[in-house]
Amino acid sequence: MRVDTRPRKRNAPRPAEKSAPGFLQWLRGRKCLCVHTGLCSGRSQAAHVDYAGGKGMGTKVADRWAVPLCAFHHAIQHREGWAAFDAKYLDGLNGGLAAANQFWRVWPGRIAWERKQDV
C-alpha cells in the first residue's frame, strides 16, 4: 500500500464577514445561557445557533450567531438539536436566535468589527 505524503490541499478559509474571533472570546467569558437551570458545569463555550441562516455545506453560521453555553448544556444542544433545546431550556421557539442577537448587540467590539467589514 502506498501512502500519499504530499501536503493536502487546503480548504478555503472562512470569509471575513463570518469570522469574529474577538466576539467568540468575549462570549466565553459570559455565564452559560442556561444558568437558571442550576445544572451548569464546565467553562462557557461559544455555541453557534445553526438555524440562523447563512450555513453552507461543511460550514458554520457566522460567529455573530453564537451564544455562551457551558460544556454540559453545549453537549445537550448537540445531542438534541436546537429546536428541542430551545423548547426545553430557552422558553420556546427561536430562543437561541434572540439570545444570540442580544449578545451581538452588547458586545463592546461590535462597532469596530462592523466598520472593518465596511471597508
N, C-alpha and C. Protein backbone atom coordinates (compact mmCIF):
# COMPACT_ATOMS: atom_id res chain seq x y z
N MET A 1 0.85 -1.18 0.00
CA MET A 1 0.00 0.00 0.00
C MET A 1 0.89 1.24 0.00
N ARG A 2 0.57 2.19 -0.87
CA ARG A 2 1.32 3.43 -0.94
C ARG A 2 0.62 4.49 -0.11
N VAL A 3 1.40 5.27 0.61
CA VAL A 3 0.88 6.36 1.41
C VAL A 3 1.24 7.68 0.74
N ASP A 4 0.25 8.50 0.53
CA ASP A 4 0.47 9.80 -0.11
C ASP A 4 1.00 10.76 0.95
N THR A 5 2.22 11.22 0.80
CA THR A 5 2.84 12.10 1.79
C THR A 5 2.86 13.56 1.35
N ARG A 6 2.26 13.84 0.20
CA ARG A 6 2.20 15.23 -0.25
C ARG A 6 1.29 16.03 0.68
N PRO A 7 1.57 17.33 0.84
CA PRO A 7 0.68 18.14 1.67
C PRO A 7 -0.72 18.16 1.07
N ARG A 8 -1.71 18.09 1.93
CA ARG A 8 -3.07 18.06 1.42
C ARG A 8 -3.50 19.45 0.96
N LYS A 9 -4.44 19.46 0.04
CA LYS A 9 -4.96 20.73 -0.47
C LYS A 9 -5.75 21.41 0.65
N ARG A 10 -5.46 22.65 0.90
CA ARG A 10 -6.14 23.41 1.94
C ARG A 10 -7.51 23.86 1.48
N ASN A 11 -8.47 23.77 2.38
CA ASN A 11 -9.78 24.32 2.10
C ASN A 11 -9.69 25.85 2.17
N ALA A 12 -10.64 26.50 1.57
CA ALA A 12 -10.67 27.96 1.63
C ALA A 12 -10.95 28.40 3.06
N PRO A 13 -10.33 29.49 3.52
CA PRO A 13 -10.60 29.97 4.88
C PRO A 13 -12.02 30.52 4.99
N ARG A 14 -12.49 30.67 6.22
CA ARG A 14 -13.81 31.26 6.43
C ARG A 14 -13.82 32.68 5.93
N PRO A 15 -14.89 33.11 5.30
CA PRO A 15 -14.97 34.50 4.85
C PRO A 15 -14.91 35.46 6.04
N ALA A 16 -14.30 36.61 5.85
CA ALA A 16 -14.12 37.59 6.93
C ALA A 16 -15.45 38.00 7.55
N GLU A 17 -16.50 38.09 6.73
CA GLU A 17 -17.79 38.52 7.27
C GLU A 17 -18.44 37.47 8.18
N LYS A 18 -17.94 36.26 8.16
CA LYS A 18 -18.48 35.21 9.05
C LYS A 18 -17.62 35.02 10.29
N SER A 19 -16.44 35.58 10.30
CA SER A 19 -15.48 35.31 11.36
C SER A 19 -15.32 36.51 12.30
N ALA A 20 -15.61 36.29 13.58
CA ALA A 20 -15.43 37.33 14.60
C ALA A 20 -14.81 36.68 15.84
N PRO A 21 -13.51 36.35 15.79
CA PRO A 21 -12.87 35.65 16.90
C PRO A 21 -12.90 36.43 18.21
N GLY A 22 -12.87 37.75 18.14
CA GLY A 22 -12.96 38.56 19.35
C GLY A 22 -14.29 38.39 20.05
N PHE A 23 -15.34 38.27 19.28
CA PHE A 23 -16.68 38.05 19.84
C PHE A 23 -16.76 36.69 20.52
N LEU A 24 -16.21 35.66 19.88
CA LEU A 24 -16.23 34.32 20.48
C LEU A 24 -15.45 34.30 21.79
N GLN A 25 -14.32 34.99 21.81
CA GLN A 25 -13.52 35.06 23.04
C GLN A 25 -14.31 35.78 24.13
N TRP A 26 -14.97 36.86 23.78
CA TRP A 26 -15.77 37.62 24.74
C TRP A 26 -16.92 36.75 25.26
N LEU A 27 -17.55 35.97 24.38
CA LEU A 27 -18.66 35.09 24.78
C LEU A 27 -18.21 34.06 25.81
N ARG A 28 -17.02 33.54 25.63
CA ARG A 28 -16.52 32.50 26.55
C ARG A 28 -16.35 33.03 27.97
N GLY A 29 -16.31 34.34 28.14
CA GLY A 29 -16.22 34.95 29.46
C GLY A 29 -17.58 35.22 30.09
N ARG A 30 -18.67 34.96 29.36
CA ARG A 30 -20.02 35.16 29.88
C ARG A 30 -20.52 33.89 30.57
N LYS A 31 -21.55 34.05 31.38
CA LYS A 31 -22.17 32.89 32.03
C LYS A 31 -22.99 32.11 31.00
N CYS A 32 -23.18 30.84 31.28
CA CYS A 32 -23.98 29.98 30.43
C CYS A 32 -25.39 30.54 30.30
N LEU A 33 -25.94 30.45 29.12
CA LEU A 33 -27.29 30.93 28.85
C LEU A 33 -28.33 30.17 29.68
N CYS A 34 -27.99 28.98 30.13
CA CYS A 34 -28.93 28.15 30.90
C CYS A 34 -28.59 28.12 32.39
N VAL A 35 -27.91 29.15 32.87
CA VAL A 35 -27.50 29.18 34.27
C VAL A 35 -28.71 29.09 35.21
N HIS A 36 -29.88 29.51 34.74
CA HIS A 36 -31.10 29.44 35.55
C HIS A 36 -31.52 28.02 35.90
N THR A 37 -30.99 27.02 35.19
CA THR A 37 -31.35 25.63 35.48
C THR A 37 -30.60 25.09 36.68
N GLY A 38 -29.46 25.70 37.01
CA GLY A 38 -28.66 25.21 38.13
C GLY A 38 -27.86 23.96 37.80
N LEU A 39 -27.85 23.55 36.56
CA LEU A 39 -27.18 22.32 36.16
C LEU A 39 -25.87 22.56 35.41
N CYS A 40 -25.42 23.79 35.36
CA CYS A 40 -24.23 24.12 34.57
C CYS A 40 -22.97 23.47 35.12
N SER A 41 -22.14 23.04 34.20
CA SER A 41 -20.83 22.51 34.58
C SER A 41 -19.86 22.77 33.44
N GLY A 42 -18.66 23.08 33.78
CA GLY A 42 -17.63 23.34 32.78
C GLY A 42 -17.61 24.80 32.38
N ARG A 43 -16.58 25.16 31.64
CA ARG A 43 -16.41 26.54 31.19
C ARG A 43 -17.38 26.85 30.06
N SER A 44 -17.66 28.12 29.89
CA SER A 44 -18.54 28.53 28.79
C SER A 44 -17.84 28.33 27.46
N GLN A 45 -18.63 27.92 26.49
CA GLN A 45 -18.16 27.71 25.13
C GLN A 45 -19.07 28.49 24.20
N ALA A 46 -18.59 28.85 23.04
CA ALA A 46 -19.42 29.53 22.05
C ALA A 46 -20.17 28.48 21.23
N ALA A 47 -21.49 28.51 21.35
CA ALA A 47 -22.34 27.56 20.62
C ALA A 47 -23.02 28.31 19.48
N HIS A 48 -22.80 27.89 18.25
CA HIS A 48 -23.37 28.56 17.08
C HIS A 48 -24.82 28.10 16.88
N VAL A 49 -25.72 29.06 16.74
CA VAL A 49 -27.14 28.79 16.52
C VAL A 49 -27.30 28.53 15.02
N ASP A 50 -27.32 27.25 14.65
CA ASP A 50 -27.20 26.91 13.23
C ASP A 50 -28.43 27.20 12.39
N TYR A 51 -29.58 27.46 13.00
CA TYR A 51 -30.75 27.78 12.18
C TYR A 51 -30.84 29.27 11.87
N ALA A 52 -29.80 30.04 12.18
CA ALA A 52 -29.79 31.48 11.91
C ALA A 52 -29.69 31.78 10.41
N GLY A 53 -29.24 30.83 9.63
CA GLY A 53 -29.10 31.05 8.19
C GLY A 53 -27.66 31.32 7.80
N GLY A 54 -27.39 31.24 6.53
CA GLY A 54 -26.05 31.50 6.03
C GLY A 54 -25.10 30.33 6.20
N LYS A 55 -25.64 29.17 6.53
CA LYS A 55 -24.82 27.99 6.72
C LYS A 55 -24.69 27.26 5.38
N GLY A 56 -23.50 26.83 5.07
CA GLY A 56 -23.29 26.10 3.82
C GLY A 56 -22.81 24.69 4.11
N MET A 57 -22.58 23.95 3.06
CA MET A 57 -22.10 22.58 3.20
C MET A 57 -20.74 22.59 3.89
N GLY A 58 -20.66 21.99 5.05
CA GLY A 58 -19.40 21.89 5.78
C GLY A 58 -18.97 23.19 6.45
N THR A 59 -19.86 24.14 6.59
CA THR A 59 -19.50 25.41 7.23
C THR A 59 -20.50 25.75 8.33
N LYS A 60 -20.05 26.55 9.27
CA LYS A 60 -20.91 27.04 10.35
C LYS A 60 -21.57 28.33 9.92
N VAL A 61 -22.56 28.72 10.70
CA VAL A 61 -23.14 30.05 10.51
C VAL A 61 -22.10 31.07 10.97
N ALA A 62 -22.37 32.32 10.72
CA ALA A 62 -21.46 33.39 11.13
C ALA A 62 -21.31 33.40 12.65
N ASP A 63 -20.14 33.82 13.11
CA ASP A 63 -19.87 33.86 14.55
C ASP A 63 -20.82 34.75 15.31
N ARG A 64 -21.42 35.73 14.64
CA ARG A 64 -22.34 36.64 15.34
C ARG A 64 -23.58 35.89 15.86
N TRP A 65 -23.84 34.70 15.36
CA TRP A 65 -24.98 33.90 15.81
C TRP A 65 -24.54 32.82 16.79
N ALA A 66 -23.74 33.21 17.76
CA ALA A 66 -23.27 32.28 18.78
C ALA A 66 -23.75 32.75 20.15
N VAL A 67 -23.91 31.80 21.07
CA VAL A 67 -24.32 32.10 22.44
C VAL A 67 -23.39 31.34 23.39
N PRO A 68 -23.25 31.80 24.63
CA PRO A 68 -22.42 31.07 25.58
C PRO A 68 -23.19 29.93 26.23
N LEU A 69 -22.66 28.74 26.15
CA LEU A 69 -23.22 27.57 26.83
C LEU A 69 -22.08 26.86 27.55
N CYS A 70 -22.35 26.36 28.75
CA CYS A 70 -21.35 25.56 29.45
C CYS A 70 -21.17 24.24 28.70
N ALA A 71 -20.14 23.51 29.05
CA ALA A 71 -19.85 22.24 28.36
C ALA A 71 -21.03 21.28 28.47
N PHE A 72 -21.69 21.23 29.61
CA PHE A 72 -22.84 20.33 29.82
C PHE A 72 -23.99 20.68 28.88
N HIS A 73 -24.39 21.94 28.86
CA HIS A 73 -25.52 22.34 28.02
C HIS A 73 -25.16 22.33 26.53
N HIS A 74 -23.91 22.62 26.19
CA HIS A 74 -23.49 22.56 24.79
C HIS A 74 -23.60 21.12 24.28
N ALA A 75 -23.22 20.16 25.10
CA ALA A 75 -23.34 18.75 24.70
C ALA A 75 -24.81 18.36 24.50
N ILE A 76 -25.68 18.83 25.40
CA ILE A 76 -27.11 18.56 25.25
C ILE A 76 -27.63 19.17 23.96
N GLN A 77 -27.23 20.40 23.68
CA GLN A 77 -27.69 21.08 22.46
C GLN A 77 -27.27 20.29 21.21
N HIS A 78 -26.06 19.78 21.19
CA HIS A 78 -25.62 18.99 20.04
C HIS A 78 -26.38 17.67 19.94
N ARG A 79 -26.65 17.05 21.07
CA ARG A 79 -27.34 15.77 21.09
C ARG A 79 -28.80 15.90 20.67
N GLU A 80 -29.50 16.93 21.18
CA GLU A 80 -30.94 17.06 20.96
C GLU A 80 -31.31 17.97 19.79
N GLY A 81 -30.40 18.83 19.36
CA GLY A 81 -30.70 19.78 18.30
C GLY A 81 -31.28 21.07 18.87
N TRP A 82 -31.22 22.13 18.05
CA TRP A 82 -31.65 23.44 18.53
C TRP A 82 -33.13 23.53 18.82
N ALA A 83 -33.98 22.90 18.03
CA ALA A 83 -35.43 23.01 18.25
C ALA A 83 -35.81 22.48 19.63
N ALA A 84 -35.33 21.29 19.96
CA ALA A 84 -35.64 20.70 21.27
C ALA A 84 -34.97 21.48 22.39
N PHE A 85 -33.76 21.94 22.17
CA PHE A 85 -33.03 22.69 23.19
C PHE A 85 -33.74 24.01 23.49
N ASP A 86 -34.16 24.72 22.44
CA ASP A 86 -34.90 25.97 22.64
C ASP A 86 -36.16 25.74 23.44
N ALA A 87 -36.90 24.71 23.09
CA ALA A 87 -38.16 24.42 23.78
C ALA A 87 -37.93 24.06 25.24
N LYS A 88 -36.89 23.31 25.52
CA LYS A 88 -36.66 22.82 26.87
C LYS A 88 -35.98 23.84 27.78
N TYR A 89 -35.02 24.59 27.25
CA TYR A 89 -34.20 25.46 28.10
C TYR A 89 -34.35 26.96 27.85
N LEU A 90 -34.83 27.35 26.66
CA LEU A 90 -34.81 28.77 26.31
C LEU A 90 -36.19 29.34 26.02
N ASP A 91 -37.19 28.86 26.69
CA ASP A 91 -38.54 29.41 26.61
C ASP A 91 -39.13 29.42 25.20
N GLY A 92 -38.97 28.33 24.51
CA GLY A 92 -39.69 28.17 23.25
C GLY A 92 -38.94 28.51 21.99
N LEU A 93 -39.72 28.72 20.94
CA LEU A 93 -39.25 28.88 19.58
C LEU A 93 -38.29 30.06 19.43
N ASN A 94 -37.17 29.83 18.79
CA ASN A 94 -36.17 30.85 18.44
C ASN A 94 -35.52 31.54 19.64
N GLY A 95 -35.51 30.91 20.80
CA GLY A 95 -34.86 31.50 21.97
C GLY A 95 -33.37 31.68 21.78
N GLY A 96 -32.72 30.73 21.14
CA GLY A 96 -31.28 30.84 20.89
C GLY A 96 -30.97 31.97 19.93
N LEU A 97 -31.80 32.14 18.92
CA LEU A 97 -31.59 33.19 17.93
C LEU A 97 -31.74 34.58 18.57
N ALA A 98 -32.76 34.75 19.40
CA ALA A 98 -32.97 36.03 20.08
C ALA A 98 -31.82 36.33 21.03
N ALA A 99 -31.36 35.31 21.75
CA ALA A 99 -30.24 35.50 22.69
C ALA A 99 -28.96 35.86 21.94
N ALA A 100 -28.70 35.19 20.82
CA ALA A 100 -27.50 35.47 20.02
C ALA A 100 -27.53 36.93 19.54
N ASN A 101 -28.69 37.37 19.10
CA ASN A 101 -28.82 38.74 18.63
C ASN A 101 -28.55 39.74 19.76
N GLN A 102 -29.03 39.45 20.96
CA GLN A 102 -28.79 40.34 22.11
C GLN A 102 -27.31 40.38 22.47
N PHE A 103 -26.66 39.23 22.52
CA PHE A 103 -25.23 39.19 22.84
C PHE A 103 -24.43 39.98 21.80
N TRP A 104 -24.79 39.83 20.53
CA TRP A 104 -24.08 40.55 19.47
C TRP A 104 -24.23 42.06 19.65
N ARG A 105 -25.43 42.51 19.98
CA ARG A 105 -25.67 43.95 20.11
C ARG A 105 -24.92 44.57 21.28
N VAL A 106 -24.67 43.81 22.35
CA VAL A 106 -24.00 44.38 23.52
C VAL A 106 -22.49 44.13 23.54
N TRP A 107 -21.98 43.39 22.57
CA TRP A 107 -20.54 43.13 22.50
C TRP A 107 -19.80 44.45 22.29
N PRO A 108 -18.85 44.79 23.17
CA PRO A 108 -18.12 46.06 23.06
C PRO A 108 -17.34 46.23 21.76
N GLY A 109 -16.93 45.18 21.11
CA GLY A 109 -16.15 45.28 19.88
C GLY A 109 -16.97 45.28 18.60
N ARG A 110 -18.29 45.24 18.72
CA ARG A 110 -19.15 45.10 17.53
C ARG A 110 -18.98 46.25 16.54
N ILE A 111 -19.02 47.47 17.00
CA ILE A 111 -18.98 48.62 16.09
C ILE A 111 -17.67 48.65 15.31
N ALA A 112 -16.55 48.41 15.99
CA ALA A 112 -15.26 48.38 15.31
C ALA A 112 -15.21 47.23 14.30
N TRP A 113 -15.75 46.08 14.67
CA TRP A 113 -15.77 44.93 13.76
C TRP A 113 -16.60 45.26 12.52
N GLU A 114 -17.77 45.86 12.71
CA GLU A 114 -18.64 46.19 11.59
C GLU A 114 -18.02 47.24 10.67
N ARG A 115 -17.32 48.21 11.26
CA ARG A 115 -16.63 49.23 10.45
C ARG A 115 -15.54 48.59 9.59
N LYS A 116 -14.84 47.64 10.16
CA LYS A 116 -13.78 46.95 9.44
C LYS A 116 -14.36 46.17 8.24
N GLN A 117 -15.57 45.65 8.39
CA GLN A 117 -16.21 44.90 7.30
C GLN A 117 -16.67 45.82 6.16
N ASP A 118 -16.99 47.07 6.51
CA ASP A 118 -17.49 48.02 5.50
C ASP A 118 -16.40 48.56 4.59
N VAL A 119 -15.15 48.41 4.99
CA VAL A 119 -14.04 48.97 4.20
C VAL A 119 -13.87 48.25 2.90
